[in-house]
Amino acid sequence: MSILIEAQIKSLRTEGLLLLVEDVERRIGSHVAGGDPVEEYVDHQKYILSLVQQELERRK
């Protein structure tokens, strides 16, 4: 599954990557704020965030 996520992230335009960062941050925030967060979910969202950050760095 990570290969698919990586490929999709690489295919996004920069604007899409920035929107994805906002979405991931909101997902993490709302999930944690709801109480009793599932660590696997939070970790997966953080993984997506790290892939986006890597892609943005690569594009500099």
N, C-alpha and C. Protein backbone atom coordinates (compact mmCIF):
# COMPACT_ATOMS: atom_id res chain seq x y z
N MET A 1 0.82 -1.19 0.00
CA MET A 1 0.00 0.00 0.00
C MET A 1 0.86 1.25 0.00
N SER A 2 2.01 1.21 0.64
CA SER A 2 2.84 2.41 0.70
C SER A 2 3.35 2.82 -0.68
N ILE A 3 3.56 1.86 -1.56
CA ILE A 3 4.02 2.20 -2.92
C ILE A 3 2.94 2.99 -3.65
N LEU A 4 1.69 2.60 -3.46
CA LEU A 4 0.58 3.32 -4.09
C LEU A 4 0.47 4.73 -3.54
N ILE A 5 0.58 4.87 -2.23
CA ILE A 5 0.51 6.19 -1.60
C ILE A 5 1.65 7.07 -2.10
N GLU A 6 2.86 6.52 -2.16
CA GLU A 6 4.01 7.27 -2.64
C GLU A 6 3.80 7.73 -4.07
N ALA A 7 3.29 6.86 -4.92
CA ALA A 7 3.06 7.21 -6.32
C ALA A 7 2.00 8.30 -6.45
N GLN A 8 0.96 8.20 -5.64
CA GLN A 8 -0.09 9.22 -5.70
C GLN A 8 0.42 10.57 -5.23
N ILE A 9 1.24 10.57 -4.20
CA ILE A 9 1.79 11.82 -3.69
C ILE A 9 2.70 12.45 -4.73
N LYS A 10 3.51 11.65 -5.39
CA LYS A 10 4.41 12.19 -6.41
C LYS A 10 3.65 12.76 -7.60
N SER A 11 2.43 12.27 -7.84
CA SER A 11 1.67 12.75 -8.99
C SER A 11 0.90 14.04 -8.71
N LEU A 12 0.83 14.45 -7.46
CA LEU A 12 0.10 15.67 -7.11
C LEU A 12 0.90 16.92 -7.47
N ARG A 13 0.18 17.96 -7.84
CA ARG A 13 0.82 19.25 -8.02
C ARG A 13 1.14 19.81 -6.65
N THR A 14 1.98 20.82 -6.60
CA THR A 14 2.39 21.40 -5.32
C THR A 14 1.18 21.89 -4.52
N GLU A 15 0.21 22.49 -5.18
CA GLU A 15 -0.98 22.96 -4.49
C GLU A 15 -1.72 21.80 -3.84
N GLY A 16 -1.77 20.67 -4.53
CA GLY A 16 -2.42 19.49 -3.98
C GLY A 16 -1.67 18.95 -2.78
N LEU A 17 -0.36 19.02 -2.82
CA LEU A 17 0.44 18.56 -1.67
C LEU A 17 0.17 19.43 -0.45
N LEU A 18 0.08 20.73 -0.67
CA LEU A 18 -0.18 21.64 0.45
C LEU A 18 -1.58 21.41 1.03
N LEU A 19 -2.53 21.13 0.18
CA LEU A 19 -3.87 20.81 0.67
C LEU A 19 -3.87 19.49 1.44
N LEU A 20 -3.08 18.54 0.98
CA LEU A 20 -2.96 17.26 1.66
C LEU A 20 -2.36 17.44 3.05
N VAL A 21 -1.38 18.31 3.17
CA VAL A 21 -0.79 18.59 4.49
C VAL A 21 -1.87 19.13 5.43
N GLU A 22 -2.67 20.07 4.96
CA GLU A 22 -3.75 20.62 5.79
C GLU A 22 -4.73 19.53 6.20
N ASP A 23 -5.09 18.67 5.26
CA ASP A 23 -6.03 17.59 5.54
C ASP A 23 -5.48 16.63 6.59
N VAL A 24 -4.22 16.24 6.44
CA VAL A 24 -3.61 15.31 7.40
C VAL A 24 -3.55 15.95 8.79
N GLU A 25 -3.17 17.21 8.85
CA GLU A 25 -3.11 17.88 10.15
C GLU A 25 -4.48 17.93 10.80
N ARG A 26 -5.52 18.20 10.02
CA ARG A 26 -6.88 18.23 10.57
C ARG A 26 -7.33 16.84 11.01
N ARG A 27 -6.99 15.83 10.23
CA ARG A 27 -7.37 14.46 10.59
C ARG A 27 -6.72 14.06 11.92
N ILE A 28 -5.45 14.35 12.07
CA ILE A 28 -4.75 14.02 13.31
C ILE A 28 -5.38 14.79 14.48
N GLY A 29 -5.58 16.09 14.28
CA GLY A 29 -6.13 16.92 15.34
C GLY A 29 -7.51 16.47 15.78
N SER A 30 -8.40 16.21 14.83
CA SER A 30 -9.75 15.82 15.20
C SER A 30 -9.79 14.42 15.80
N HIS A 31 -8.91 13.55 15.34
CA HIS A 31 -8.86 12.19 15.88
C HIS A 31 -8.38 12.20 17.32
N VAL A 32 -7.34 12.97 17.58
CA VAL A 32 -6.78 13.05 18.93
C VAL A 32 -7.75 13.79 19.86
N ALA A 33 -8.38 14.84 19.36
CA ALA A 33 -9.30 15.63 20.18
C ALA A 33 -10.52 14.82 20.59
N GLY A 34 -10.86 13.81 19.80
CA GLY A 34 -12.01 12.99 20.11
C GLY A 34 -11.80 12.10 21.32
N GLY A 35 -10.56 12.00 21.77
CA GLY A 35 -10.25 11.16 22.93
C GLY A 35 -9.99 9.73 22.52
N ASP A 36 -9.14 9.06 23.26
CA ASP A 36 -8.79 7.66 23.04
C ASP A 36 -8.37 7.40 21.59
N PRO A 37 -7.36 8.11 21.10
CA PRO A 37 -6.95 7.96 19.71
C PRO A 37 -6.32 6.59 19.43
N VAL A 38 -6.50 6.13 18.22
CA VAL A 38 -5.88 4.89 17.76
C VAL A 38 -4.50 5.25 17.21
N GLU A 39 -3.47 4.77 17.87
CA GLU A 39 -2.10 5.13 17.49
C GLU A 39 -1.77 4.74 16.05
N GLU A 40 -2.28 3.61 15.59
CA GLU A 40 -2.00 3.17 14.22
C GLU A 40 -2.51 4.18 13.20
N TYR A 41 -3.69 4.74 13.47
CA TYR A 41 -4.26 5.75 12.58
C TYR A 41 -3.40 7.01 12.56
N VAL A 42 -3.02 7.46 13.74
CA VAL A 42 -2.19 8.66 13.86
C VAL A 42 -0.84 8.42 13.19
N ASP A 43 -0.26 7.25 13.41
CA ASP A 43 1.02 6.92 12.79
C ASP A 43 0.92 6.90 11.27
N HIS A 44 -0.18 6.38 10.75
CA HIS A 44 -0.36 6.34 9.30
C HIS A 44 -0.47 7.76 8.73
N GLN A 45 -1.19 8.62 9.42
CA GLN A 45 -1.31 10.00 8.97
C GLN A 45 0.05 10.71 9.02
N LYS A 46 0.82 10.43 10.06
CA LYS A 46 2.17 11.01 10.16
C LYS A 46 3.06 10.49 9.04
N TYR A 47 2.88 9.23 8.66
CA TYR A 47 3.64 8.65 7.55
C TYR A 47 3.31 9.39 6.25
N ILE A 48 2.04 9.64 6.01
CA ILE A 48 1.64 10.39 4.82
C ILE A 48 2.26 11.78 4.86
N LEU A 49 2.22 12.43 6.01
CA LEU A 49 2.81 13.75 6.16
C LEU A 49 4.30 13.73 5.85
N SER A 50 5.00 12.71 6.30
CA SER A 50 6.44 12.62 6.03
C SER A 50 6.72 12.42 4.54
N LEU A 51 5.88 11.65 3.87
CA LEU A 51 6.05 11.46 2.42
C LEU A 51 5.84 12.77 1.67
N VAL A 52 4.85 13.54 2.10
CA VAL A 52 4.59 14.83 1.45
C VAL A 52 5.77 15.77 1.69
N GLN A 53 6.28 15.79 2.90
CA GLN A 53 7.42 16.65 3.21
C GLN A 53 8.63 16.26 2.36
N GLN A 54 8.87 14.98 2.21
CA GLN A 54 9.98 14.51 1.36
C GLN A 54 9.79 14.95 -0.08
N GLU A 55 8.57 14.83 -0.57
CA GLU A 55 8.29 15.23 -1.95
C GLU A 55 8.48 16.74 -2.14
N LEU A 56 8.02 17.53 -1.19
CA LEU A 56 8.21 18.98 -1.29
C LEU A 56 9.69 19.34 -1.26
N GLU A 57 10.46 18.67 -0.43
CA GLU A 57 11.92 18.91 -0.38
C GLU A 57 12.56 18.53 -1.72
N ARG A 58 12.12 17.44 -2.29
CA ARG A 58 12.69 16.98 -3.57
C ARG A 58 12.43 17.99 -4.67
N ARG A 59 11.31 18.67 -4.61
CA ARG A 59 10.93 19.62 -5.66
C ARG A 59 11.61 20.98 -5.54
N LYS A 60 12.29 21.24 -4.46
CA LYS A 60 12.95 22.54 -4.28
C LYS A 60 13.98 22.79 -5.35
